[in-house]
Amino acid sequence: MLPLFEKEGYKYTKRSAQYKASASDAVNEWDIVIRKDKDNIFHEDSIGVEVKLYKEKKVGAEIVRQTLDRARASGLKRTFIFCKNGFTNEALEIASRYNPQELELYDIESLKNWVVGSLDNDEEIKNEISYIIRSASKAFIEAIAKNPRALDSLEWRDLERLLSEAFEGLGFSVTLTPPSKDGGKDLILEYEISGKLKSYVVEVKHWRAGNKVGGDAVSSFLDVIVKEKHIGGVFISTYGYTKNAFESLTKIQREKLKFGSESKVVSLCKTYVRANKGLWSPEQNIQNVLFENTI
């Protein structure tokens, strides 16, 4: 039960050395005590938890009364009693007299429902955050399509998310890699043509200090393309490249690796906006959109 409480922001205070063997022993000590500090959303809370691991019998009225008495004496705000076998009718009747926020009884089914509800809530939060991020990326795309200088206000991760949304909106299947373990590429793009799956990678550098990308970064990205056997890749640096960034590349390598700058981002945003208005067909242009406005 502790992970479930911790997931809701409670901190473990103590747990007895072993569960008590009898009702008289149980009066003296809680199995678990957890607390949550007051914040901007929740009031301060404290819970005493009793866990009864009987082989067959249910928790009866006497245990419920003793637990309630101990809760009043200890000053805890709430009480939980868990018994996998459930509770007698008399115990349930006593519990029903109290506000559920003061006394809660859990059997094995109640605990399972709590676990499932916790997982569902996690998924809801993830979906909500994902929706917010995508909505923000769409707004950024429209802003940059209208005024390229809006790009100056974005952080590097914002730009990666924006490009992920843009490429996906234009027909690619997109994987946005984790920020700390991207393996040398920020986006993996895939699309199917003539029954064959083709994959490309995109690396993005948006250094707001105005730094330019040099030859070492280009060589490292080319290694990723070759090792992972992608069809090719696009390196996007919003502030451009040093004079010697491409000088070591062969003609064949230049065919596999293209380079874009701020103008690439702007053109991609404009194409995305046109596509959303029905003025661009991804089925006809998806093979070309990746390398448009690159060198």
C-alpha atoms as a PDB file:
ATOM      1  CA  MET A   1       0.000   0.000   0.000  1.00  0.00           C
ATOM      2  CA  LEU A   2       2.897   2.381   0.602  1.00  0.00           C
ATOM      3  CA  PRO A   3       3.607   3.007  -3.126  1.00  0.00           C
ATOM      4  CA  LEU A   4      -0.058   3.950  -3.623  1.00  0.00           C
ATOM      5  CA  PHE A   5       0.052   6.459  -0.784  1.00  0.00           C
ATOM      6  CA  GLU A   6       3.408   7.851  -1.942  1.00  0.00           C
ATOM      7  CA  LYS A   7       1.960   8.279  -5.428  1.00  0.00           C
ATOM      8  CA  GLU A   8      -0.629  10.637  -3.914  1.00  0.00           C
ATOM      9  CA  GLY A   9       2.006  12.719  -2.149  1.00  0.00           C
ATOM     10  CA  TYR A  10       2.075  11.105   1.309  1.00  0.00           C
ATOM     11  CA  LYS A  11       5.281  10.498   3.241  1.00  0.00           C
ATOM     12  CA  TYR A  12       5.867   7.366   5.270  1.00  0.00           C
ATOM     13  CA  THR A  13       6.335   8.073   8.980  1.00  0.00           C
ATOM     14  CA  LYS A  14       6.711   4.686  10.593  1.00  0.00           C
ATOM     15  CA  ARG A  15       5.870   1.019  10.469  1.00  0.00           C
ATOM     16  CA  SER A  16       5.909  -1.449  13.362  1.00  0.00           C
ATOM     17  CA  ALA A  17       8.550  -4.173  13.434  1.00  0.00           C
ATOM     18  CA  GLN A  18       5.884  -6.785  12.784  1.00  0.00           C
ATOM     19  CA  TYR A  19       2.107  -6.919  12.486  1.00  0.00           C
ATOM     20  CA  LYS A  20       0.357  -7.432  15.803  1.00  0.00           C
ATOM     21  CA  ALA A  21      -0.908 -10.924  16.527  1.00  0.00           C
ATOM     22  CA  SER A  22      -3.920  -9.950  18.640  1.00  0.00           C
ATOM     23  CA  ALA A  23      -6.477  -7.212  19.057  1.00  0.00           C
ATOM     24  CA  SER A  24      -5.040  -6.156  22.432  1.00  0.00           C
ATOM     25  CA  ASP A  25      -1.572  -5.695  20.935  1.00  0.00           C
ATOM     26  CA  ALA A  26      -3.053  -3.742  18.026  1.00  0.00           C
ATOM     27  CA  VAL A  27      -4.360  -1.041  20.362  1.00  0.00           C
ATOM     28  CA  ASN A  28      -0.859   0.148  21.148  1.00  0.00           C
ATOM     29  CA  GLU A  29       0.622   0.833  17.712  1.00  0.00           C
ATOM     30  CA  TRP A  30      -0.253   1.498  14.069  1.00  0.00           C
ATOM     31  CA  ASP A  31       1.100  -0.682  11.285  1.00  0.00           C
ATOM     32  CA  ILE A  32       1.722   2.350   9.068  1.00  0.00           C
ATOM     33  CA  VAL A  33       1.463   6.106   9.639  1.00  0.00           C
ATOM     34  CA  ILE A  34       1.650   8.463   6.666  1.00  0.00           C
ATOM     35  CA  ARG A  35       1.397  12.255   6.402  1.00  0.00           C
ATOM     36  CA  LYS A  36       0.974  14.935   3.751  1.00  0.00           C
ATOM     37  CA  ASP A  37       1.996  18.551   4.350  1.00  0.00           C
ATOM     38  CA  LYS A  38      -0.310  21.437   3.541  1.00  0.00           C
ATOM     39  CA  ASP A  39       0.216  23.095   0.137  1.00  0.00           C
ATOM     40  CA  ASN A  40      -1.672  25.409  -2.213  1.00  0.00           C
ATOM     41  CA  ILE A  41      -4.155  22.655  -3.114  1.00  0.00           C
ATOM     42  CA  PHE A  42      -4.453  20.245  -0.168  1.00  0.00           C
ATOM     43  CA  HIS A  43      -4.900  20.645   3.573  1.00  0.00           C
ATOM     44  CA  GLU A  44      -2.532  18.888   5.941  1.00  0.00           C
ATOM     45  CA  ASP A  45      -3.465  15.232   6.250  1.00  0.00           C
ATOM     46  CA  SER A  46      -2.426  12.245   8.363  1.00  0.00           C
ATOM     47  CA  ILE A  47      -3.535   8.621   8.180  1.00  0.00           C
ATOM     48  CA  GLY A  48      -3.154   5.654  10.497  1.00  0.00           C
ATOM     49  CA  VAL A  49      -3.258   2.355   8.629  1.00  0.00           C
ATOM     50  CA  GLU A  50      -4.105  -1.041  10.077  1.00  0.00           C
ATOM     51  CA  VAL A  51      -3.378  -4.176   7.991  1.00  0.00           C
ATOM     52  CA  LYS A  52      -5.019  -7.447   9.051  1.00  0.00           C
ATOM     53  CA  LEU A  53      -3.554 -10.531   7.380  1.00  0.00           C
ATOM     54  CA  TYR A  54      -5.987 -13.151   8.634  1.00  0.00           C
ATOM     55  CA  LYS A  55      -6.008 -16.486   6.815  1.00  0.00           C
ATOM     56  CA  GLU A  56      -9.783 -16.714   6.551  1.00  0.00           C
ATOM     57  CA  LYS A  57     -11.748 -14.555   8.997  1.00  0.00           C
ATOM     58  CA  LYS A  58     -13.016 -11.054   8.409  1.00  0.00           C
ATOM     59  CA  VAL A  59     -12.409  -7.962  10.510  1.00  0.00           C
ATOM     60  CA  GLY A  60     -15.203  -7.564  13.055  1.00  0.00           C
ATOM     61  CA  ALA A  61     -16.822  -4.677  14.888  1.00  0.00           C
ATOM     62  CA  GLU A  62     -14.446  -4.810  17.863  1.00  0.00           C
ATOM     63  CA  ILE A  63     -11.355  -4.161  15.730  1.00  0.00           C
ATOM     64  CA  VAL A  64     -13.102  -1.240  14.030  1.00  0.00           C
ATOM     65  CA  ARG A  65     -14.067   0.279  17.431  1.00  0.00           C
ATOM     66  CA  GLN A  66     -10.543  -0.127  18.823  1.00  0.00           C
ATOM     67  CA  THR A  67      -9.005   1.420  15.712  1.00  0.00           C
ATOM     68  CA  LEU A  68     -11.362   4.399  15.884  1.00  0.00           C
ATOM     69  CA  ASP A  69     -10.568   4.936  19.580  1.00  0.00           C
ATOM     70  CA  ARG A  70      -6.846   4.881  18.851  1.00  0.00           C
ATOM     71  CA  ALA A  71      -7.314   7.332  15.960  1.00  0.00           C
ATOM     72  CA  ARG A  72      -9.060   9.833  18.232  1.00  0.00           C
ATOM     73  CA  ALA A  73      -6.336   9.506  20.887  1.00  0.00           C
ATOM     74  CA  SER A  74      -3.484   9.931  18.381  1.00  0.00           C
ATOM     75  CA  GLY A  75      -4.935  12.993  16.681  1.00  0.00           C
ATOM     76  CA  LEU A  76      -4.701  11.489  13.190  1.00  0.00           C
ATOM     77  CA  LYS A  77      -7.175  12.899  10.677  1.00  0.00           C
ATOM     78  CA  ARG A  78      -8.053   9.634   8.934  1.00  0.00           C
ATOM     79  CA  THR A  79      -7.990   5.889   9.444  1.00  0.00           C
ATOM     80  CA  PHE A  80      -7.607   3.021   6.954  1.00  0.00           C
ATOM     81  CA  ILE A  81      -8.204  -0.622   7.764  1.00  0.00           C
ATOM     82  CA  PHE A  82      -7.218  -3.255   5.206  1.00  0.00           C
ATOM     83  CA  CYS A  83      -8.227  -6.908   5.358  1.00  0.00           C
ATOM     84  CA  LYS A  84      -8.030  -9.046   2.243  1.00  0.00           C
ATOM     85  CA  ASN A  85     -10.994 -11.152   3.453  1.00  0.00           C
ATOM     86  CA  GLY A  86     -13.249  -8.146   4.009  1.00  0.00           C
ATOM     87  CA  PHE A  87     -15.395  -7.072   6.980  1.00  0.00           C
ATOM     88  CA  THR A  88     -18.409  -8.330   8.919  1.00  0.00           C
ATOM     89  CA  ASN A  89     -21.763  -6.636   8.407  1.00  0.00           C
ATOM     90  CA  GLU A  90     -21.553  -5.125  11.902  1.00  0.00           C
ATOM     91  CA  ALA A  91     -18.100  -3.676  11.142  1.00  0.00           C
ATOM     92  CA  LEU A  92     -19.399  -2.159   7.901  1.00  0.00           C
ATOM     93  CA  GLU A  93     -22.404  -0.720   9.752  1.00  0.00           C
ATOM     94  CA  ILE A  94     -20.155   0.993  12.327  1.00  0.00           C
ATOM     95  CA  ALA A  95     -17.934   2.374   9.598  1.00  0.00           C
ATOM     96  CA  SER A  96     -20.943   3.767   7.715  1.00  0.00           C
ATOM     97  CA  ARG A  97     -21.747   6.068  10.624  1.00  0.00           C
ATOM     98  CA  TYR A  98     -18.550   8.007  10.044  1.00  0.00           C
ATOM     99  CA  ASN A  99     -17.623  10.388   7.276  1.00  0.00           C
ATOM    100  CA  PRO A 100     -15.672   8.341   4.691  1.00  0.00           C
ATOM    101  CA  GLN A 101     -12.854  10.878   4.982  1.00  0.00           C
ATOM    102  CA  GLU A 102     -12.356   9.713   8.611  1.00  0.00           C
ATOM    103  CA  LEU A 103     -12.630   5.934   8.309  1.00  0.00           C
ATOM    104  CA  GLU A 104     -12.143   3.799   5.183  1.00  0.00           C
ATOM    105  CA  LEU A 105     -12.308   0.006   4.942  1.00  0.00           C
ATOM    106  CA  TYR A 106     -10.467  -1.812   2.160  1.00  0.00           C
ATOM    107  CA  ASP A 107     -10.675  -5.431   1.097  1.00  0.00           C
ATOM    108  CA  ILE A 108      -8.721  -7.001  -1.765  1.00  0.00           C
ATOM    109  CA  GLU A 109     -11.189  -5.841  -4.441  1.00  0.00           C
ATOM    110  CA  SER A 110     -11.148  -2.269  -3.128  1.00  0.00           C
ATOM    111  CA  LEU A 111      -7.355  -2.309  -3.249  1.00  0.00           C
ATOM    112  CA  LYS A 112      -7.364  -3.590  -6.849  1.00  0.00           C
ATOM    113  CA  ASN A 113      -9.772  -0.800  -7.854  1.00  0.00           C
ATOM    114  CA  TRP A 114      -7.489   1.747  -6.213  1.00  0.00           C
ATOM    115  CA  VAL A 115      -4.510   0.461  -8.197  1.00  0.00           C
ATOM    116  CA  VAL A 116      -6.444   0.530 -11.492  1.00  0.00           C
ATOM    117  CA  GLY A 117      -7.764   4.013 -10.729  1.00  0.00           C
ATOM    118  CA  SER A 118      -4.242   5.231 -10.017  1.00  0.00           C
ATOM    119  CA  LEU A 119      -2.995   3.904 -13.359  1.00  0.00           C
ATOM    120  CA  ASP A 120      -5.961   5.419 -15.211  1.00  0.00           C
ATOM    121  CA  ASN A 121      -5.277   8.775 -13.584  1.00  0.00           C
ATOM    122  CA  ASP A 122      -1.637   8.615 -14.710  1.00  0.00           C
ATOM    123  CA  GLU A 123      -2.764   7.977 -18.279  1.00  0.00           C
ATOM    124  CA  GLU A 124      -5.221  10.871 -18.125  1.00  0.00           C
ATOM    125  CA  ILE A 125      -2.495  13.234 -16.937  1.00  0.00           C
ATOM    126  CA  LYS A 126      -0.122  12.055 -19.676  1.00  0.00           C
ATOM    127  CA  ASN A 127      -2.786  12.539 -22.335  1.00  0.00           C
ATOM    128  CA  GLU A 128      -3.644  15.999 -21.035  1.00  0.00           C
ATOM    129  CA  ILE A 129       0.004  17.093 -21.003  1.00  0.00           C
ATOM    130  CA  SER A 130       0.509  15.664 -24.493  1.00  0.00           C
ATOM    131  CA  TYR A 131      -2.513  17.611 -25.756  1.00  0.00           C
ATOM    132  CA  ILE A 132      -1.197  20.847 -24.208  1.00  0.00           C
ATOM    133  CA  ILE A 133       2.259  20.366 -25.753  1.00  0.00           C
ATOM    134  CA  ARG A 134       0.807  19.633 -29.196  1.00  0.00           C
ATOM    135  CA  SER A 135      -1.502  22.637 -28.994  1.00  0.00           C
ATOM    136  CA  ALA A 136       1.444  24.859 -28.036  1.00  0.00           C
ATOM    137  CA  SER A 137       3.543  23.441 -30.901  1.00  0.00           C
ATOM    138  CA  LYS A 138       0.754  24.172 -33.394  1.00  0.00           C
ATOM    139  CA  ALA A 139       0.507  27.731 -32.100  1.00  0.00           C
ATOM    140  CA  PHE A 140       4.289  28.171 -32.443  1.00  0.00           C
ATOM    141  CA  ILE A 141       4.166  26.833 -36.006  1.00  0.00           C
ATOM    142  CA  GLU A 142       1.495  29.346 -36.999  1.00  0.00           C
ATOM    143  CA  ALA A 143       3.384  32.186 -35.302  1.00  0.00           C
ATOM    144  CA  ILE A 144       6.637  31.370 -37.132  1.00  0.00           C
ATOM    145  CA  ALA A 145       4.812  30.992 -40.456  1.00  0.00           C
ATOM    146  CA  LYS A 146       3.539  34.564 -39.990  1.00  0.00           C
ATOM    147  CA  ASN A 147       6.721  36.032 -38.507  1.00  0.00           C
ATOM    148  CA  PRO A 148      10.031  34.100 -38.554  1.00  0.00           C
ATOM    149  CA  ARG A 149      11.315  36.184 -35.637  1.00  0.00           C
ATOM    150  CA  ALA A 150       8.971  34.265 -33.362  1.00  0.00           C
ATOM    151  CA  LEU A 151      11.610  31.528 -33.589  1.00  0.00           C
ATOM    152  CA  ASP A 152      13.875  33.635 -31.368  1.00  0.00           C
ATOM    153  CA  SER A 153      11.518  33.115 -28.427  1.00  0.00           C
ATOM    154  CA  LEU A 154      11.703  29.301 -28.480  1.00  0.00           C
ATOM    155  CA  GLU A 155      13.942  27.112 -26.354  1.00  0.00           C
ATOM    156  CA  TRP A 156      15.693  24.172 -28.054  1.00  0.00           C
ATOM    157  CA  ARG A 157      13.260  21.538 -26.766  1.00  0.00           C
ATOM    158  CA  ASP A 158      10.294  23.644 -27.893  1.00  0.00           C
ATOM    159  CA  LEU A 159      11.759  23.678 -31.403  1.00  0.00           C
ATOM    160  CA  GLU A 160      12.238  19.901 -31.406  1.00  0.00           C
ATOM    161  CA  ARG A 161       8.580  19.412 -30.396  1.00  0.00           C
ATOM    162  CA  LEU A 162       7.498  21.926 -33.039  1.00  0.00           C
ATOM    163  CA  LEU A 163       9.380  20.064 -35.754  1.00  0.00           C
ATOM    164  CA  SER A 164       7.933  16.763 -34.532  1.00  0.00           C
ATOM    165  CA  GLU A 165       4.413  18.170 -34.883  1.00  0.00           C
ATOM    166  CA  ALA A 166       5.195  19.700 -38.280  1.00  0.00           C
ATOM    167  CA  PHE A 167       6.643  16.541 -39.833  1.00  0.00           C
ATOM    168  CA  GLU A 168       3.836  14.402 -38.423  1.00  0.00           C
ATOM    169  CA  GLY A 169       1.263  16.822 -39.806  1.00  0.00           C
ATOM    170  CA  LEU A 170       2.856  16.459 -43.227  1.00  0.00           C
ATOM    171  CA  GLY A 171       2.560  12.670 -43.296  1.00  0.00           C
ATOM    172  CA  PHE A 172       5.619  11.266 -41.531  1.00  0.00           C
ATOM    173  CA  SER A 173       5.564   8.854 -38.626  1.00  0.00           C
ATOM    174  CA  VAL A 174       7.698  10.683 -36.052  1.00  0.00           C
ATOM    175  CA  THR A 175       9.623   9.594 -32.969  1.00  0.00           C
ATOM    176  CA  LEU A 176      10.881  12.413 -30.749  1.00  0.00           C
ATOM    177  CA  THR A 177      13.883  11.059 -28.850  1.00  0.00           C
ATOM    178  CA  PRO A 178      14.419  11.732 -25.108  1.00  0.00           C
ATOM    179  CA  PRO A 179      16.395  14.936 -24.460  1.00  0.00           C
ATOM    180  CA  SER A 180      19.184  13.304 -22.447  1.00  0.00           C
ATOM    181  CA  LYS A 181      19.524  10.007 -24.357  1.00  0.00           C
ATOM    182  CA  ASP A 182      18.826  10.832 -27.978  1.00  0.00           C
ATOM    183  CA  GLY A 183      21.675   8.731 -29.419  1.00  0.00           C
ATOM    184  CA  GLY A 184      22.871  11.590 -31.617  1.00  0.00           C
ATOM    185  CA  LYS A 185      19.554  12.383 -33.321  1.00  0.00           C
ATOM    186  CA  ASP A 186      16.506  14.345 -32.198  1.00  0.00           C
ATOM    187  CA  LEU A 187      13.831  13.016 -34.561  1.00  0.00           C
ATOM    188  CA  ILE A 188      13.342   9.748 -36.415  1.00  0.00           C
ATOM    189  CA  LEU A 189      11.078  10.096 -39.464  1.00  0.00           C
ATOM    190  CA  GLU A 190       9.497   7.169 -41.291  1.00  0.00           C
ATOM    191  CA  TYR A 191       7.159   6.844 -44.255  1.00  0.00           C
ATOM    192  CA  GLU A 192       6.122   4.039 -46.561  1.00  0.00           C
ATOM    193  CA  ILE A 193       6.447   4.265 -50.315  1.00  0.00           C
ATOM    194  CA  SER A 194       5.768   1.441 -52.782  1.00  0.00           C
ATOM    195  CA  GLY A 195       5.399  -0.961 -49.868  1.00  0.00           C
ATOM    196  CA  LYS A 196       8.837  -0.155 -48.417  1.00  0.00           C
ATOM    197  CA  LEU A 197       9.468   1.675 -45.141  1.00  0.00           C
ATOM    198  CA  LYS A 198      12.037   4.452 -45.391  1.00  0.00           C
ATOM    199  CA  SER A 199      13.606   6.163 -42.392  1.00  0.00           C
ATOM    200  CA  TYR A 200      15.467   9.441 -41.957  1.00  0.00           C
ATOM    201  CA  VAL A 201      16.890  11.197 -38.917  1.00  0.00           C
ATOM    202  CA  VAL A 202      16.929  14.872 -38.014  1.00  0.00           C
ATOM    203  CA  GLU A 203      19.344  16.648 -35.685  1.00  0.00           C
ATOM    204  CA  VAL A 204      18.415  20.115 -34.414  1.00  0.00           C
ATOM    205  CA  LYS A 205      20.697  22.798 -32.974  1.00  0.00           C
ATOM    206  CA  HIS A 206      19.018  25.936 -31.700  1.00  0.00           C
ATOM    207  CA  TRP A 207      21.684  27.723 -29.720  1.00  0.00           C
ATOM    208  CA  ARG A 208      20.175  31.047 -28.755  1.00  0.00           C
ATOM    209  CA  ALA A 209      23.664  32.381 -28.065  1.00  0.00           C
ATOM    210  CA  GLY A 210      24.081  32.364 -31.852  1.00  0.00           C
ATOM    211  CA  ASN A 211      26.724  29.634 -32.062  1.00  0.00           C
ATOM    212  CA  LYS A 212      27.221  27.900 -35.398  1.00  0.00           C
ATOM    213  CA  VAL A 213      27.617  24.174 -36.008  1.00  0.00           C
ATOM    214  CA  GLY A 214      31.080  22.918 -36.938  1.00  0.00           C
ATOM    215  CA  GLY A 215      32.605  19.880 -38.615  1.00  0.00           C
ATOM    216  CA  ASP A 216      32.753  17.650 -35.519  1.00  0.00           C
ATOM    217  CA  ALA A 217      28.984  17.787 -34.985  1.00  0.00           C
ATOM    218  CA  VAL A 218      28.391  17.079 -38.661  1.00  0.00           C
ATOM    219  CA  SER A 219      30.716  14.047 -38.625  1.00  0.00           C
ATOM    220  CA  SER A 220      29.043  12.649 -35.511  1.00  0.00           C
ATOM    221  CA  PHE A 221      25.615  12.939 -37.088  1.00  0.00           C
ATOM    222  CA  LEU A 222      26.813  11.250 -40.276  1.00  0.00           C
ATOM    223  CA  ASP A 223      28.073   8.343 -38.153  1.00  0.00           C
ATOM    224  CA  VAL A 224      24.573   7.932 -36.709  1.00  0.00           C
ATOM    225  CA  ILE A 225      23.032   7.767 -40.206  1.00  0.00           C
ATOM    226  CA  VAL A 226      25.495   5.107 -41.337  1.00  0.00           C
ATOM    227  CA  LYS A 227      25.496   2.971 -38.169  1.00  0.00           C
ATOM    228  CA  GLU A 228      21.710   2.910 -37.859  1.00  0.00           C
ATOM    229  CA  LYS A 229      21.263   2.384 -41.622  1.00  0.00           C
ATOM    230  CA  HIS A 230      18.899   5.276 -42.289  1.00  0.00           C
ATOM    231  CA  ILE A 231      18.277   6.434 -45.859  1.00  0.00           C
ATOM    232  CA  GLY A 232      19.604   9.862 -44.971  1.00  0.00           C
ATOM    233  CA  GLY A 233      19.367  12.764 -42.581  1.00  0.00           C
ATOM    234  CA  VAL A 234      18.830  16.483 -42.196  1.00  0.00           C
ATOM    235  CA  PHE A 235      20.881  18.668 -39.897  1.00  0.00           C
ATOM    236  CA  ILE A 236      19.060  21.856 -38.894  1.00  0.00           C
ATOM    237  CA  SER A 237      21.037  24.665 -37.273  1.00  0.00           C
ATOM    238  CA  THR A 238      19.024  27.841 -36.827  1.00  0.00           C
ATOM    239  CA  TYR A 239      22.167  29.975 -36.608  1.00  0.00           C
ATOM    240  CA  GLY A 240      24.004  28.341 -39.482  1.00  0.00           C
ATOM    241  CA  TYR A 241      27.344  26.560 -39.869  1.00  0.00           C
ATOM    242  CA  THR A 242      31.048  27.348 -39.720  1.00  0.00           C
ATOM    243  CA  LYS A 243      32.977  27.718 -42.992  1.00  0.00           C
ATOM    244  CA  ASN A 244      34.656  24.321 -42.624  1.00  0.00           C
ATOM    245  CA  ALA A 245      31.579  22.381 -41.456  1.00  0.00           C
ATOM    246  CA  PHE A 246      31.160  20.503 -44.766  1.00  0.00           C
ATOM    247  CA  GLU A 247      34.674  20.427 -46.195  1.00  0.00           C
ATOM    248  CA  SER A 248      35.446  16.811 -45.204  1.00  0.00           C
ATOM    249  CA  LEU A 249      32.254  15.352 -46.719  1.00  0.00           C
ATOM    250  CA  THR A 250      32.433  13.340 -49.925  1.00  0.00           C
ATOM    251  CA  LYS A 251      29.949  13.738 -52.767  1.00  0.00           C
ATOM    252  CA  ILE A 252      28.150  10.536 -51.739  1.00  0.00           C
ATOM    253  CA  GLN A 253      27.919  11.705 -48.143  1.00  0.00           C
ATOM    254  CA  ARG A 254      26.462  15.024 -49.268  1.00  0.00           C
ATOM    255  CA  GLU A 255      23.687  13.099 -51.002  1.00  0.00           C
ATOM    256  CA  LYS A 256      22.766  11.334 -47.759  1.00  0.00           C
ATOM    257  CA  LEU A 257      23.083  14.372 -45.499  1.00  0.00           C
ATOM    258  CA  LYS A 258      21.383  17.722 -46.100  1.00  0.00           C
ATOM    259  CA  PHE A 259      21.687  20.944 -44.138  1.00  0.00           C
ATOM    260  CA  GLY A 260      19.020  23.443 -43.203  1.00  0.00           C
ATOM    261  CA  SER A 261      18.990  26.691 -41.256  1.00  0.00           C
ATOM    262  CA  GLU A 262      16.309  29.068 -40.015  1.00  0.00           C
ATOM    263  CA  SER A 263      14.781  29.258 -43.492  1.00  0.00           C
ATOM    264  CA  LYS A 264      14.174  25.476 -43.410  1.00  0.00           C
ATOM    265  CA  VAL A 265      12.172  25.782 -40.193  1.00  0.00           C
ATOM    266  CA  VAL A 266      10.154  28.697 -41.585  1.00  0.00           C
ATOM    267  CA  SER A 267       9.353  26.923 -44.866  1.00  0.00           C
ATOM    268  CA  LEU A 268       8.332  23.777 -42.974  1.00  0.00           C
ATOM    269  CA  CYS A 269       5.966  25.825 -40.791  1.00  0.00           C
ATOM    270  CA  LYS A 270       4.413  27.482 -43.841  1.00  0.00           C
ATOM    271  CA  THR A 271       3.926  24.108 -45.556  1.00  0.00           C
ATOM    272  CA  TYR A 272       2.272  22.753 -42.410  1.00  0.00           C
ATOM    273  CA  VAL A 273      -0.151  25.695 -42.302  1.00  0.00           C
ATOM    274  CA  ARG A 274      -0.995  25.224 -45.988  1.00  0.00           C
ATOM    275  CA  ALA A 275      -1.592  21.511 -45.406  1.00  0.00           C
ATOM    276  CA  ASN A 276      -4.017  22.264 -42.574  1.00  0.00           C
ATOM    277  CA  LYS A 277      -5.942  24.538 -44.919  1.00  0.00           C
ATOM    278  CA  GLY A 278      -6.110  21.830 -47.590  1.00  0.00           C
ATOM    279  CA  LEU A 279      -3.680  23.619 -49.904  1.00  0.00           C
ATOM    280  CA  TRP A 280      -0.960  20.940 -49.839  1.00  0.00           C
ATOM    281  CA  SER A 281      -1.129  17.203 -50.539  1.00  0.00           C
ATOM    282  CA  PRO A 282       1.265  15.006 -48.508  1.00  0.00           C
ATOM    283  CA  GLU A 283       0.629  12.022 -50.770  1.00  0.00           C
ATOM    284  CA  GLN A 284       2.242  13.875 -53.674  1.00  0.00           C
ATOM    285  CA  ASN A 285       5.024  15.788 -51.925  1.00  0.00           C
ATOM    286  CA  ILE A 286       6.164  13.822 -48.858  1.00  0.00           C
ATOM    287  CA  GLN A 287       9.401  12.609 -50.457  1.00  0.00           C
ATOM    288  CA  ASN A 288      10.422  16.145 -51.333  1.00  0.00           C
ATOM    289  CA  VAL A 289       9.336  18.054 -48.218  1.00  0.00           C
ATOM    290  CA  LEU A 290      12.221  16.763 -46.094  1.00  0.00           C
ATOM    291  CA  PHE A 291      14.924  18.190 -48.365  1.00  0.00           C
ATOM    292  CA  GLU A 292      13.198  21.413 -49.425  1.00  0.00           C
ATOM    293  CA  ASN A 293      15.190  24.531 -48.472  1.00  0.00           C
ATOM    294  CA  THR A 294      18.321  22.553 -47.612  1.00  0.00           C
ATOM    295  CA  ILE A 295      21.797  22.491 -49.140  1.00  0.00           C
END
